[in-house]
Structure formats: structure tokens, C-alpha cells
Amino acid sequence: MIAAVIHQVLHMALVLALAPLLTGWVRLVKSRLVGRRGASVLQPYRDLARLLRKEVVLADNASWLFRSVPYVMFTAIWLAAGLVPVFTTDLALAPTGDLIALIALLGTARFFLALAGMDTGTSFGGIGSSREMMIAALAEPAMLMVVFSVAVLVRTTSLAEIAVYMMGGTVGLRVSLALALIALVMVAIAENARIPIDNPATHLELTMVHEAMVLEYSGRHLALIEGAAMLKLLLYAAVIACVFAPWGMATPTQGSLWIGLLSFLAKLAAAGAALALFETSIAKMRVFRVGEFLGGALLLSLLGAIFLYVSRGV
């Protein structure tokens, strides 16, 4: 039990430390792919430190909700990231590390951020919040169908037990899991406001979604929101690695923590490079086509569940 608590503390510190590094790695790879030198991978750390030193500027009509949302959002996403095993399954929060709880925490963070976007009454905040809710209404059913497909196969929604089952070598190649993986990647792109759904580097009022909701934030509040966005990107990469590629992860009975840590770093590097390559090879789509994109994710996840039922003879 003491070892599990120590591993949990190390895990929480690790995801917090690596989240800006993953964002910096994605930006660097994208810059190199388009022929630019790009900023250092440590630039997100400098950006967060600069925001933490700045003074907070609040609108005159901002309520207590607007001031508290950054803390609620950061805490919810950090806690969600703490539920996902990355280098070992021997974690103190492993019994509560459930995929349904994970979706609930992410939904809580999204809900409060959408409220904050509408709190000051600006047109940009309202546009961003409405678009965010539209994306969530399409992404969450697809995510739940992915969870359903995996749960039917493994007979549990516990992330630690799913990782152990996937490492057992009895799964084999399954069309249903491949479809679920593609659907989860599509949902991750939408949830993290990445291209082609949104461009995190733009501030065009006709296209932005996430940035429209946080235009009124500054100082430490904006630092917490940006840090939460970086944690969310790492969280989805960790979920994909935990469910579909848990190899190298240590368990309470076997495996090394150092091997698990090195394998997780390698998976993050591969995921960041793949995301950068994908974003540089595709254009941003119109907002009205987001429904088609996420509808495809829902269809793929539904087909994965159907194939799983047929293959298992249920």
C-alpha cells in the first residue's frame, strides 16, 4: 500500500512535469516539418512561468464563477490524468481509475469552462461555449461507445485491469479494437481542439473554439487554463497508450518501473510526432463539418462494438 501511494505521488508529479514538454515537442516537430527552426521544447514552461508572474485582469461584471473555473478545471483534469496508469498499474487510485469516471471528470472541466466563457457576456465567449458544447455532444457518445467496446472485451472499465489484460497476449488482432482506436484518436483530436477541428495557434473569431472561451482570462488564471489544456493532451495520449499499447508498463508482480517510464516517454514522443505530422498534412475544416467528422468517429466506435459482439458470439 505504501508503494502504491509513492507511485501515485510520482505519477501525479510526472504527468504535471511532462505535459508542457509534450506540447513543446509537438510544436517543434511541426516547425521542422514546415521548414522552420521553431522554439525550444522548453518554451511552454517559459510561457507558463511568464503568465504566472503577470497580474490578473478581471472584467467588471465577472462573477465568482469566472475566478474559480481555472482552479476547478485544472484540478479536474489533473485528477483525471492521475487515474490513468502510465508507467505502472500499482497506483493508489487504481481502484477508482475507471473510464467512466475519467469521462465524468473531463465533462466537468468542459462544463465549467463553457460557463466561464458565457459569464462575462462577450460575444466571443458565447460563440466558443456554444461550439464547445456542440463538439462535446458529438464526441462524448463516440467516447462512450469506445469504452463500451473495450469493456465488453475485458469485462471491466478499470484502466489498470484493462492494461494488464492487454499485456496478457490473449487479445490478438481484432478489427473491433482497431475501429475503437481510430474513433478514440478522432475524439482526442476534437477534445483537444487540434487541427482539423480547431487551430490552437489562431485567434480568428470565425474559427476558434477553445481560444474564444478564454480570451478574457489573464495572469495565473490563464496559466492554469493553458496548463490544463496541456495536461488534457497528455491525458488522451496516456489513455490511448494504456488501453491499446500498454507494453512495457510495470505491474505489482512483474516489470521494472524504469522500463515502464522509458516506454511511456517513447510512446509520448511517438504520439507527439504523429500528431505533428497529421496536423501539417491536413487543413482545418469548416465548423459545420465537425459534425461529420465526429459522426464518423461515432460510426466507427459503433461498428467496433458490433464486430465485437459478432466475433464473441454474444
C-alpha atoms as a PDB file:
ATOM      1  CA  MET A   1       0.000   0.000   0.000  1.00  0.00           C
ATOM      2  CA  ILE A   2       2.834   2.397   0.816  1.00  0.00           C
ATOM      3  CA  ALA A   3       4.480   1.607  -2.519  1.00  0.00           C
ATOM      4  CA  ALA A   4       1.212   2.332  -4.315  1.00  0.00           C
ATOM      5  CA  VAL A   5       0.932   5.724  -2.606  1.00  0.00           C
ATOM      6  CA  ILE A   6       4.542   6.570  -3.531  1.00  0.00           C
ATOM      7  CA  HIS A   7       3.916   5.510  -7.127  1.00  0.00           C
ATOM      8  CA  GLN A   8       0.768   7.643  -7.207  1.00  0.00           C
ATOM      9  CA  VAL A   9       2.598  10.736  -5.990  1.00  0.00           C
ATOM     10  CA  LEU A  10       5.363  10.163  -8.543  1.00  0.00           C
ATOM     11  CA  HIS A  11       2.726   9.635 -11.223  1.00  0.00           C
ATOM     12  CA  MET A  12       0.935  12.913 -10.418  1.00  0.00           C
ATOM     13  CA  ALA A  13       4.232  14.809 -10.482  1.00  0.00           C
ATOM     14  CA  LEU A  14       5.313  13.101 -13.700  1.00  0.00           C
ATOM     15  CA  VAL A  15       2.214  13.985 -15.722  1.00  0.00           C
ATOM     16  CA  LEU A  16       2.365  17.549 -14.422  1.00  0.00           C
ATOM     17  CA  ALA A  17       6.015  17.885 -15.451  1.00  0.00           C
ATOM     18  CA  LEU A  18       5.699  16.195 -18.847  1.00  0.00           C
ATOM     19  CA  ALA A  19       2.543  17.950 -20.095  1.00  0.00           C
ATOM     20  CA  PRO A  20       4.302  21.175 -21.233  1.00  0.00           C
ATOM     21  CA  LEU A  21       7.142  19.098 -22.666  1.00  0.00           C
ATOM     22  CA  LEU A  22       4.724  17.166 -24.892  1.00  0.00           C
ATOM     23  CA  THR A  23       3.188  20.403 -26.156  1.00  0.00           C
ATOM     24  CA  GLY A  24       6.641  21.834 -26.857  1.00  0.00           C
ATOM     25  CA  TRP A  25       7.641  18.642 -28.681  1.00  0.00           C
ATOM     26  CA  VAL A  26       4.568  18.805 -30.930  1.00  0.00           C
ATOM     27  CA  ARG A  27       5.271  22.458 -31.761  1.00  0.00           C
ATOM     28  CA  LEU A  28       8.938  21.738 -32.508  1.00  0.00           C
ATOM     29  CA  VAL A  29       8.177  18.815 -34.823  1.00  0.00           C
ATOM     30  CA  LYS A  30       5.530  20.862 -36.650  1.00  0.00           C
ATOM     31  CA  SER A  31       8.017  23.687 -37.141  1.00  0.00           C
ATOM     32  CA  ARG A  32      10.657  21.351 -38.532  1.00  0.00           C
ATOM     33  CA  LEU A  33       8.162  19.706 -40.876  1.00  0.00           C
ATOM     34  CA  VAL A  34       7.236  23.056 -42.434  1.00  0.00           C
ATOM     35  CA  GLY A  35      10.858  24.170 -42.742  1.00  0.00           C
ATOM     36  CA  ARG A  36      11.115  26.469 -39.722  1.00  0.00           C
ATOM     37  CA  ARG A  37      13.561  26.268 -36.851  1.00  0.00           C
ATOM     38  CA  GLY A  38      10.893  26.501 -34.179  1.00  0.00           C
ATOM     39  CA  ALA A  39      11.091  27.313 -30.492  1.00  0.00           C
ATOM     40  CA  SER A  40      12.701  25.103 -27.894  1.00  0.00           C
ATOM     41  CA  VAL A  41      10.717  22.232 -26.421  1.00  0.00           C
ATOM     42  CA  LEU A  42      11.048  24.080 -23.098  1.00  0.00           C
ATOM     43  CA  GLN A  43       9.193  27.154 -24.380  1.00  0.00           C
ATOM     44  CA  PRO A  44       5.813  26.094 -22.851  1.00  0.00           C
ATOM     45  CA  TYR A  45       7.453  26.096 -19.409  1.00  0.00           C
ATOM     46  CA  ARG A  46       8.654  29.664 -20.006  1.00  0.00           C
ATOM     47  CA  ASP A  47       5.209  30.706 -21.227  1.00  0.00           C
ATOM     48  CA  LEU A  48       3.525  29.332 -18.111  1.00  0.00           C
ATOM     49  CA  ALA A  49       6.103  30.969 -15.835  1.00  0.00           C
ATOM     50  CA  ARG A  50       5.590  34.305 -17.606  1.00  0.00           C
ATOM     51  CA  LEU A  51       1.809  34.087 -17.188  1.00  0.00           C
ATOM     52  CA  LEU A  52       2.150  33.218 -13.505  1.00  0.00           C
ATOM     53  CA  ARG A  53       4.155  36.406 -12.945  1.00  0.00           C
ATOM     54  CA  LYS A  54       1.592  38.634 -14.665  1.00  0.00           C
ATOM     55  CA  GLU A  55      -1.196  40.484 -12.929  1.00  0.00           C
ATOM     56  CA  VAL A  56      -4.732  39.134 -13.198  1.00  0.00           C
ATOM     57  CA  VAL A  57      -7.119  41.481 -15.020  1.00  0.00           C
ATOM     58  CA  LEU A  58     -10.827  40.805 -14.497  1.00  0.00           C
ATOM     59  CA  ALA A  59     -13.863  42.211 -16.246  1.00  0.00           C
ATOM     60  CA  ASP A  60     -16.126  44.422 -14.150  1.00  0.00           C
ATOM     61  CA  ASN A  61     -19.047  42.025 -14.487  1.00  0.00           C
ATOM     62  CA  ALA A  62     -17.031  38.828 -13.838  1.00  0.00           C
ATOM     63  CA  SER A  63     -18.585  36.742 -11.066  1.00  0.00           C
ATOM     64  CA  TRP A  64     -17.022  34.351  -8.569  1.00  0.00           C
ATOM     65  CA  LEU A  65     -17.590  31.567 -11.083  1.00  0.00           C
ATOM     66  CA  PHE A  66     -15.261  33.209 -13.601  1.00  0.00           C
ATOM     67  CA  ARG A  67     -12.485  33.413 -10.997  1.00  0.00           C
ATOM     68  CA  SER A  68     -12.883  29.857  -9.708  1.00  0.00           C
ATOM     69  CA  VAL A  69     -13.225  27.995 -13.023  1.00  0.00           C
ATOM     70  CA  PRO A  70      -9.456  27.860 -13.788  1.00  0.00           C
ATOM     71  CA  TYR A  71      -8.803  26.120 -10.470  1.00  0.00           C
ATOM     72  CA  VAL A  72     -11.726  23.705 -10.899  1.00  0.00           C
ATOM     73  CA  MET A  73     -10.725  22.902 -14.479  1.00  0.00           C
ATOM     74  CA  PHE A  74      -7.064  22.341 -13.682  1.00  0.00           C
ATOM     75  CA  THR A  75      -7.868  20.170 -10.661  1.00  0.00           C
ATOM     76  CA  ALA A  76     -10.387  18.015 -12.545  1.00  0.00           C
ATOM     77  CA  ILE A  77      -8.060  17.357 -15.487  1.00  0.00           C
ATOM     78  CA  TRP A  78      -5.043  16.764 -13.239  1.00  0.00           C
ATOM     79  CA  LEU A  79      -7.072  14.276 -11.201  1.00  0.00           C
ATOM     80  CA  ALA A  80      -8.240  12.589 -14.412  1.00  0.00           C
ATOM     81  CA  ALA A  81      -4.631  12.317 -15.585  1.00  0.00           C
ATOM     82  CA  GLY A  82      -3.757  10.787 -12.224  1.00  0.00           C
ATOM     83  CA  LEU A  83      -6.242   7.978 -12.812  1.00  0.00           C
ATOM     84  CA  VAL A  84      -4.552   6.745 -16.000  1.00  0.00           C
ATOM     85  CA  PRO A  85      -1.633   4.324 -15.420  1.00  0.00           C
ATOM     86  CA  VAL A  86       1.399   5.365 -17.451  1.00  0.00           C
ATOM     87  CA  PHE A  87       4.454   3.532 -16.105  1.00  0.00           C
ATOM     88  CA  THR A  88       2.911   1.171 -13.555  1.00  0.00           C
ATOM     89  CA  THR A  89      -0.517  -0.173 -12.632  1.00  0.00           C
ATOM     90  CA  ASP A  90       0.376  -0.229  -8.923  1.00  0.00           C
ATOM     91  CA  LEU A  91      -1.248   3.100  -8.060  1.00  0.00           C
ATOM     92  CA  ALA A  92      -3.221   4.151  -5.003  1.00  0.00           C
ATOM     93  CA  LEU A  93      -6.023   5.494  -7.235  1.00  0.00           C
ATOM     94  CA  ALA A  94      -6.067   2.383  -9.441  1.00  0.00           C
ATOM     95  CA  PRO A  95      -9.317   1.046  -7.864  1.00  0.00           C
ATOM     96  CA  THR A  96     -11.030   4.314  -8.834  1.00  0.00           C
ATOM     97  CA  GLY A  97      -9.242   4.624 -12.190  1.00  0.00           C
ATOM     98  CA  ASP A  98     -12.360   3.974 -14.200  1.00  0.00           C
ATOM     99  CA  LEU A  99     -13.024   5.070 -17.790  1.00  0.00           C
ATOM    100  CA  ILE A 100     -16.496   6.302 -16.821  1.00  0.00           C
ATOM    101  CA  ALA A 101     -15.043   8.419 -14.008  1.00  0.00           C
ATOM    102  CA  LEU A 102     -12.478   9.744 -16.460  1.00  0.00           C
ATOM    103  CA  ILE A 103     -15.186  10.901 -18.869  1.00  0.00           C
ATOM    104  CA  ALA A 104     -17.120  12.463 -15.973  1.00  0.00           C
ATOM    105  CA  LEU A 105     -14.095  14.498 -14.837  1.00  0.00           C
ATOM    106  CA  LEU A 106     -13.406  15.708 -18.369  1.00  0.00           C
ATOM    107  CA  GLY A 107     -17.067  16.607 -18.777  1.00  0.00           C
ATOM    108  CA  THR A 108     -16.977  18.565 -15.517  1.00  0.00           C
ATOM    109  CA  ALA A 109     -13.996  20.605 -16.688  1.00  0.00           C
ATOM    110  CA  ARG A 110     -15.673  21.290 -20.037  1.00  0.00           C
ATOM    111  CA  PHE A 111     -18.943  22.303 -18.388  1.00  0.00           C
ATOM    112  CA  PHE A 112     -17.355  24.869 -16.090  1.00  0.00           C
ATOM    113  CA  LEU A 113     -15.163  26.301 -18.858  1.00  0.00           C
ATOM    114  CA  ALA A 114     -18.239  26.785 -21.052  1.00  0.00           C
ATOM    115  CA  LEU A 115     -19.973  28.575 -18.167  1.00  0.00           C
ATOM    116  CA  ALA A 116     -16.947  30.819 -17.709  1.00  0.00           C
ATOM    117  CA  GLY A 117     -16.977  31.672 -21.403  1.00  0.00           C
ATOM    118  CA  MET A 118     -20.546  32.961 -21.083  1.00  0.00           C
ATOM    119  CA  ASP A 119     -20.090  34.587 -17.669  1.00  0.00           C
ATOM    120  CA  THR A 120     -18.704  37.922 -18.871  1.00  0.00           C
ATOM    121  CA  GLY A 121     -21.329  38.239 -21.603  1.00  0.00           C
ATOM    122  CA  THR A 122     -18.946  38.735 -24.513  1.00  0.00           C
ATOM    123  CA  SER A 123     -19.869  37.548 -27.988  1.00  0.00           C
ATOM    124  CA  PHE A 124     -16.618  35.592 -28.397  1.00  0.00           C
ATOM    125  CA  GLY A 125     -17.182  33.695 -25.168  1.00  0.00           C
ATOM    126  CA  GLY A 126     -20.719  32.784 -26.165  1.00  0.00           C
ATOM    127  CA  ILE A 127     -19.614  31.582 -29.607  1.00  0.00           C
ATOM    128  CA  GLY A 128     -16.816  29.477 -28.131  1.00  0.00           C
ATOM    129  CA  SER A 129     -19.068  27.955 -25.469  1.00  0.00           C
ATOM    130  CA  SER A 130     -21.800  27.036 -27.955  1.00  0.00           C
ATOM    131  CA  ARG A 131     -19.270  25.438 -30.300  1.00  0.00           C
ATOM    132  CA  GLU A 132     -17.637  23.579 -27.426  1.00  0.00           C
ATOM    133  CA  MET A 133     -20.974  22.132 -26.348  1.00  0.00           C
ATOM    134  CA  MET A 134     -21.754  21.124 -29.934  1.00  0.00           C
ATOM    135  CA  ILE A 135     -18.446  19.262 -30.149  1.00  0.00           C
ATOM    136  CA  ALA A 136     -18.997  17.668 -26.729  1.00  0.00           C
ATOM    137  CA  ALA A 137     -22.477  16.466 -27.681  1.00  0.00           C
ATOM    138  CA  LEU A 138     -20.956  14.577 -30.599  1.00  0.00           C
ATOM    139  CA  ALA A 139     -17.670  13.476 -29.033  1.00  0.00           C
ATOM    140  CA  GLU A 140     -18.966  12.048 -25.752  1.00  0.00           C
ATOM    141  CA  PRO A 141     -21.256   9.406 -27.350  1.00  0.00           C
ATOM    142  CA  ALA A 142     -18.344   8.230 -29.501  1.00  0.00           C
ATOM    143  CA  MET A 143     -16.109   8.081 -26.424  1.00  0.00           C
ATOM    144  CA  LEU A 144     -18.733   6.114 -24.510  1.00  0.00           C
ATOM    145  CA  MET A 145     -19.057   3.627 -27.375  1.00  0.00           C
ATOM    146  CA  VAL A 146     -15.278   3.122 -27.326  1.00  0.00           C
ATOM    147  CA  VAL A 147     -15.497   2.472 -23.589  1.00  0.00           C
ATOM    148  CA  PHE A 148     -18.363   0.061 -24.193  1.00  0.00           C
ATOM    149  CA  SER A 149     -16.386  -1.885 -26.800  1.00  0.00           C
ATOM    150  CA  VAL A 150     -13.349  -2.226 -24.544  1.00  0.00           C
ATOM    151  CA  ALA A 151     -15.493  -3.073 -21.510  1.00  0.00           C
ATOM    152  CA  VAL A 152     -17.310  -5.849 -23.358  1.00  0.00           C
ATOM    153  CA  LEU A 153     -13.987  -7.415 -24.302  1.00  0.00           C
ATOM    154  CA  VAL A 154     -12.203  -7.033 -20.944  1.00  0.00           C
ATOM    155  CA  ARG A 155     -15.316  -7.253 -18.720  1.00  0.00           C
ATOM    156  CA  THR A 156     -14.290  -4.152 -16.779  1.00  0.00           C
ATOM    157  CA  THR A 157     -13.821  -0.411 -17.189  1.00  0.00           C
ATOM    158  CA  SER A 158     -10.866  -0.231 -14.797  1.00  0.00           C
ATOM    159  CA  LEU A 159      -7.864   1.185 -16.627  1.00  0.00           C
ATOM    160  CA  ALA A 160      -5.361  -0.820 -14.576  1.00  0.00           C
ATOM    161  CA  GLU A 161      -7.175  -4.102 -15.280  1.00  0.00           C
ATOM    162  CA  ILE A 162      -7.531  -3.202 -18.972  1.00  0.00           C
ATOM    163  CA  ALA A 163      -3.788  -2.597 -19.230  1.00  0.00           C
ATOM    164  CA  VAL A 164      -2.992  -5.903 -17.529  1.00  0.00           C
ATOM    165  CA  TYR A 165      -5.426  -7.742 -19.811  1.00  0.00           C
ATOM    166  CA  MET A 166      -3.978  -6.156 -22.954  1.00  0.00           C
ATOM    167  CA  MET A 167      -0.450  -7.100 -21.866  1.00  0.00           C
ATOM    168  CA  GLY A 168      -1.527 -10.701 -21.353  1.00  0.00           C
ATOM    169  CA  GLY A 169      -1.099 -11.541 -25.033  1.00  0.00           C
ATOM    170  CA  THR A 170      -4.508 -13.201 -25.401  1.00  0.00           C
ATOM    171  CA  VAL A 171      -6.175 -10.346 -27.269  1.00  0.00           C
ATOM    172  CA  GLY A 172      -4.606 -10.791 -30.686  1.00  0.00           C
ATOM    173  CA  LEU A 173      -5.541  -8.698 -33.708  1.00  0.00           C
ATOM    174  CA  ARG A 174      -9.150  -7.562 -33.602  1.00  0.00           C
ATOM    175  CA  VAL A 175     -10.975  -5.393 -36.108  1.00  0.00           C
ATOM    176  CA  SER A 176     -13.186  -4.080 -33.312  1.00  0.00           C
ATOM    177  CA  LEU A 177     -10.205  -2.749 -31.347  1.00  0.00           C
ATOM    178  CA  ALA A 178      -8.736  -1.152 -34.480  1.00  0.00           C
ATOM    179  CA  LEU A 179     -12.010   0.676 -35.127  1.00  0.00           C
ATOM    180  CA  ALA A 180     -12.217   1.713 -31.465  1.00  0.00           C
ATOM    181  CA  LEU A 181      -8.648   3.030 -31.631  1.00  0.00           C
ATOM    182  CA  ILE A 182      -9.366   5.154 -34.720  1.00  0.00           C
ATOM    183  CA  ALA A 183     -12.536   6.501 -33.096  1.00  0.00           C
ATOM    184  CA  LEU A 184     -10.669   7.361 -29.889  1.00  0.00           C
ATOM    185  CA  VAL A 185      -7.951   9.189 -31.847  1.00  0.00           C
ATOM    186  CA  MET A 186     -10.618  11.218 -33.654  1.00  0.00           C
ATOM    187  CA  VAL A 187     -12.286  12.083 -30.349  1.00  0.00           C
ATOM    188  CA  ALA A 188      -8.912  13.053 -28.847  1.00  0.00           C
ATOM    189  CA  ILE A 189      -8.251  15.437 -31.743  1.00  0.00           C
ATOM    190  CA  ALA A 190     -11.632  17.086 -31.255  1.00  0.00           C
ATOM    191  CA  GLU A 191     -11.436  17.259 -27.462  1.00  0.00           C
ATOM    192  CA  ASN A 192      -8.004  18.876 -27.566  1.00  0.00           C
ATOM    193  CA  ALA A 193      -9.074  21.456 -30.170  1.00  0.00           C
ATOM    194  CA  ARG A 194      -6.452  20.315 -32.671  1.00  0.00           C
ATOM    195  CA  ILE A 195      -6.461  20.558 -36.467  1.00  0.00           C
ATOM    196  CA  PRO A 196      -8.746  19.859 -38.350  1.00  0.00           C
ATOM    197  CA  ILE A 197     -11.340  20.693 -35.666  1.00  0.00           C
ATOM    198  CA  ASP A 198      -9.634  23.799 -34.290  1.00  0.00           C
ATOM    199  CA  ASN A 199      -6.269  25.514 -34.556  1.00  0.00           C
ATOM    200  CA  PRO A 200      -4.710  26.240 -31.139  1.00  0.00           C
ATOM    201  CA  ALA A 201      -2.424  28.854 -32.713  1.00  0.00           C
ATOM    202  CA  THR A 202      -5.168  31.039 -34.211  1.00  0.00           C
ATOM    203  CA  HIS A 203      -7.337  33.819 -32.826  1.00  0.00           C
ATOM    204  CA  LEU A 204      -9.682  34.229 -35.787  1.00  0.00           C
ATOM    205  CA  GLU A 205     -13.171  34.814 -34.419  1.00  0.00           C
ATOM    206  CA  LEU A 206     -14.806  32.802 -37.223  1.00  0.00           C
ATOM    207  CA  THR A 207     -12.873  29.613 -36.490  1.00  0.00           C
ATOM    208  CA  MET A 208     -11.645  29.490 -32.873  1.00  0.00           C
ATOM    209  CA  VAL A 209     -13.384  27.360 -30.280  1.00  0.00           C
ATOM    210  CA  HIS A 210     -11.209  26.872 -27.196  1.00  0.00           C
ATOM    211  CA  GLU A 211      -9.444  30.240 -27.511  1.00  0.00           C
ATOM    212  CA  ALA A 212     -12.772  32.078 -27.727  1.00  0.00           C
ATOM    213  CA  MET A 213     -13.750  30.920 -24.243  1.00  0.00           C
ATOM    214  CA  VAL A 214     -10.506  32.034 -22.584  1.00  0.00           C
ATOM    215  CA  LEU A 215      -9.971  35.434 -24.231  1.00  0.00           C
ATOM    216  CA  GLU A 216     -10.994  37.240 -21.035  1.00  0.00           C
ATOM    217  CA  TYR A 217      -8.507  35.365 -18.842  1.00  0.00           C
ATOM    218  CA  SER A 218      -5.039  36.616 -17.959  1.00  0.00           C
ATOM    219  CA  GLY A 219      -2.243  36.060 -15.482  1.00  0.00           C
ATOM    220  CA  ARG A 220      -2.308  32.988 -13.293  1.00  0.00           C
ATOM    221  CA  HIS A 221      -5.858  32.158 -14.377  1.00  0.00           C
ATOM    222  CA  LEU A 222      -4.757  31.856 -17.996  1.00  0.00           C
ATOM    223  CA  ALA A 223      -1.688  29.878 -16.883  1.00  0.00           C
ATOM    224  CA  LEU A 224      -3.936  27.345 -15.143  1.00  0.00           C
ATOM    225  CA  ILE A 225      -6.167  27.018 -18.210  1.00  0.00           C
ATOM    226  CA  GLU A 226      -3.214  26.613 -20.562  1.00  0.00           C
ATOM    227  CA  GLY A 227      -1.652  24.096 -18.191  1.00  0.00           C
ATOM    228  CA  ALA A 228      -4.937  22.184 -18.065  1.00  0.00           C
ATOM    229  CA  ALA A 229      -5.037  22.087 -21.882  1.00  0.00           C
ATOM    230  CA  MET A 230      -1.501  20.659 -21.937  1.00  0.00           C
ATOM    231  CA  LEU A 231      -2.475  18.084 -19.314  1.00  0.00           C
ATOM    232  CA  LYS A 232      -5.514  17.125 -21.371  1.00  0.00           C
ATOM    233  CA  LEU A 233      -3.370  16.442 -24.432  1.00  0.00           C
ATOM    234  CA  LEU A 234      -1.069  14.223 -22.378  1.00  0.00           C
ATOM    235  CA  LEU A 235      -4.101  12.568 -20.775  1.00  0.00           C
ATOM    236  CA  TYR A 236      -5.526  11.386 -24.101  1.00  0.00           C
ATOM    237  CA  ALA A 237      -2.108  10.180 -25.241  1.00  0.00           C
ATOM    238  CA  ALA A 238      -1.813   8.258 -21.971  1.00  0.00           C
ATOM    239  CA  VAL A 239      -5.301   6.732 -22.343  1.00  0.00           C
ATOM    240  CA  ILE A 240      -4.521   5.534 -25.874  1.00  0.00           C
ATOM    241  CA  ALA A 241      -1.194   4.090 -24.700  1.00  0.00           C
ATOM    242  CA  CYS A 242      -2.771   2.460 -21.626  1.00  0.00           C
ATOM    243  CA  VAL A 243      -5.661   0.810 -23.451  1.00  0.00           C
ATOM    244  CA  PHE A 244      -4.154  -0.056 -26.832  1.00  0.00           C
ATOM    245  CA  ALA A 245      -0.368  -0.117 -26.254  1.00  0.00           C
ATOM    246  CA  PRO A 246       0.392  -0.850 -22.575  1.00  0.00           C
ATOM    247  CA  TRP A 247       3.554  -2.828 -23.347  1.00  0.00           C
ATOM    248  CA  GLY A 248       6.432  -2.138 -21.011  1.00  0.00           C
ATOM    249  CA  MET A 249       4.219  -0.964 -18.159  1.00  0.00           C
ATOM    250  CA  ALA A 250       5.133  -2.394 -14.750  1.00  0.00           C
ATOM    251  CA  THR A 251       2.618  -4.357 -12.664  1.00  0.00           C
ATOM    252  CA  PRO A 252       2.661  -5.208  -8.951  1.00  0.00           C
ATOM    253  CA  THR A 253       4.035  -8.676  -9.772  1.00  0.00           C
ATOM    254  CA  GLN A 254       6.367  -8.100 -12.700  1.00  0.00           C
ATOM    255  CA  GLY A 255       8.158  -5.455 -14.726  1.00  0.00           C
ATOM    256  CA  SER A 256      10.510  -2.620 -13.863  1.00  0.00           C
ATOM    257  CA  LEU A 257       9.483   0.947 -13.089  1.00  0.00           C
ATOM    258  CA  TRP A 258      12.395   2.278 -15.133  1.00  0.00           C
ATOM    259  CA  ILE A 259      11.370   0.239 -18.164  1.00  0.00           C
ATOM    260  CA  GLY A 260       7.801   1.432 -17.722  1.00  0.00           C
ATOM    261  CA  LEU A 261       8.942   5.050 -17.514  1.00  0.00           C
ATOM    262  CA  LEU A 262      11.184   4.780 -20.585  1.00  0.00           C
ATOM    263  CA  SER A 263       8.456   3.062 -22.587  1.00  0.00           C
ATOM    264  CA  PHE A 264       5.978   5.797 -21.644  1.00  0.00           C
ATOM    265  CA  LEU A 265       8.401   8.514 -22.735  1.00  0.00           C
ATOM    266  CA  ALA A 266       8.901   6.711 -26.044  1.00  0.00           C
ATOM    267  CA  LYS A 267       5.123   6.448 -26.542  1.00  0.00           C
ATOM    268  CA  LEU A 268       4.696  10.172 -25.802  1.00  0.00           C
ATOM    269  CA  ALA A 269       7.424  11.059 -28.292  1.00  0.00           C
ATOM    270  CA  ALA A 270       5.806   8.871 -30.960  1.00  0.00           C
ATOM    271  CA  ALA A 271       2.330  10.277 -30.250  1.00  0.00           C
ATOM    272  CA  GLY A 272       3.597  13.866 -30.413  1.00  0.00           C
ATOM    273  CA  ALA A 273       5.429  13.259 -33.691  1.00  0.00           C
ATOM    274  CA  ALA A 274       2.375  11.537 -35.201  1.00  0.00           C
ATOM    275  CA  LEU A 275       0.123  14.430 -34.155  1.00  0.00           C
ATOM    276  CA  ALA A 276       2.512  16.993 -35.646  1.00  0.00           C
ATOM    277  CA  LEU A 277       2.721  15.036 -38.907  1.00  0.00           C
ATOM    278  CA  PHE A 278      -1.059  14.733 -39.095  1.00  0.00           C
ATOM    279  CA  GLU A 279      -1.644  18.441 -38.434  1.00  0.00           C
ATOM    280  CA  THR A 280       0.853  19.557 -41.079  1.00  0.00           C
ATOM    281  CA  SER A 281      -0.653  17.277 -43.721  1.00  0.00           C
ATOM    282  CA  ILE A 282      -4.301  18.311 -43.350  1.00  0.00           C
ATOM    283  CA  ALA A 283      -6.214  21.596 -43.499  1.00  0.00           C
ATOM    284  CA  LYS A 284      -8.656  22.874 -40.931  1.00  0.00           C
ATOM    285  CA  MET A 285     -12.254  22.047 -41.769  1.00  0.00           C
ATOM    286  CA  ARG A 286     -15.248  24.342 -41.520  1.00  0.00           C
ATOM    287  CA  VAL A 287     -17.083  24.415 -38.214  1.00  0.00           C
ATOM    288  CA  PHE A 288     -20.217  22.994 -39.824  1.00  0.00           C
ATOM    289  CA  ARG A 289     -18.301  19.890 -40.931  1.00  0.00           C
ATOM    290  CA  VAL A 290     -17.245  18.999 -37.394  1.00  0.00           C
ATOM    291  CA  GLY A 291     -20.449  17.005 -37.055  1.00  0.00           C
ATOM    292  CA  GLU A 292     -19.468  14.825 -39.992  1.00  0.00           C
ATOM    293  CA  PHE A 293     -16.016  14.210 -38.517  1.00  0.00           C
ATOM    294  CA  LEU A 294     -17.321  13.216 -35.091  1.00  0.00           C
ATOM    295  CA  GLY A 295     -20.224  11.360 -36.636  1.00  0.00           C
ATOM    296  CA  GLY A 296     -17.626   9.212 -38.374  1.00  0.00           C
ATOM    297  CA  ALA A 297     -15.977   8.579 -35.001  1.00  0.00           C
ATOM    298  CA  LEU A 298     -19.311   7.518 -33.533  1.00  0.00           C
ATOM    299  CA  LEU A 299     -19.988   5.230 -36.502  1.00  0.00           C
ATOM    300  CA  LEU A 300     -16.549   3.594 -36.217  1.00  0.00           C
ATOM    301  CA  SER A 301     -16.962   3.009 -32.493  1.00  0.00           C
ATOM    302  CA  LEU A 302     -20.440   1.563 -33.069  1.00  0.00           C
ATOM    303  CA  LEU A 303     -19.122  -0.754 -35.785  1.00  0.00           C
ATOM    304  CA  GLY A 304     -16.349  -1.829 -33.432  1.00  0.00           C
ATOM    305  CA  ALA A 305     -18.904  -2.789 -30.791  1.00  0.00           C
ATOM    306  CA  ILE A 306     -20.997  -4.682 -33.367  1.00  0.00           C
ATOM    307  CA  PHE A 307     -17.970  -6.584 -34.698  1.00  0.00           C
ATOM    308  CA  LEU A 308     -17.006  -7.467 -31.148  1.00  0.00           C
ATOM    309  CA  TYR A 309     -20.457  -8.893 -30.462  1.00  0.00           C
ATOM    310  CA  VAL A 310     -20.375 -10.906 -33.678  1.00  0.00           C
ATOM    311  CA  SER A 311     -16.859 -12.245 -33.067  1.00  0.00           C
ATOM    312  CA  ARG A 312     -17.674 -13.261 -29.480  1.00  0.00           C
ATOM    313  CA  GLY A 313     -20.987 -14.784 -30.472  1.00  0.00           C
ATOM    314  CA  VAL A 314     -22.892 -12.739 -27.928  1.00  0.00           C
END
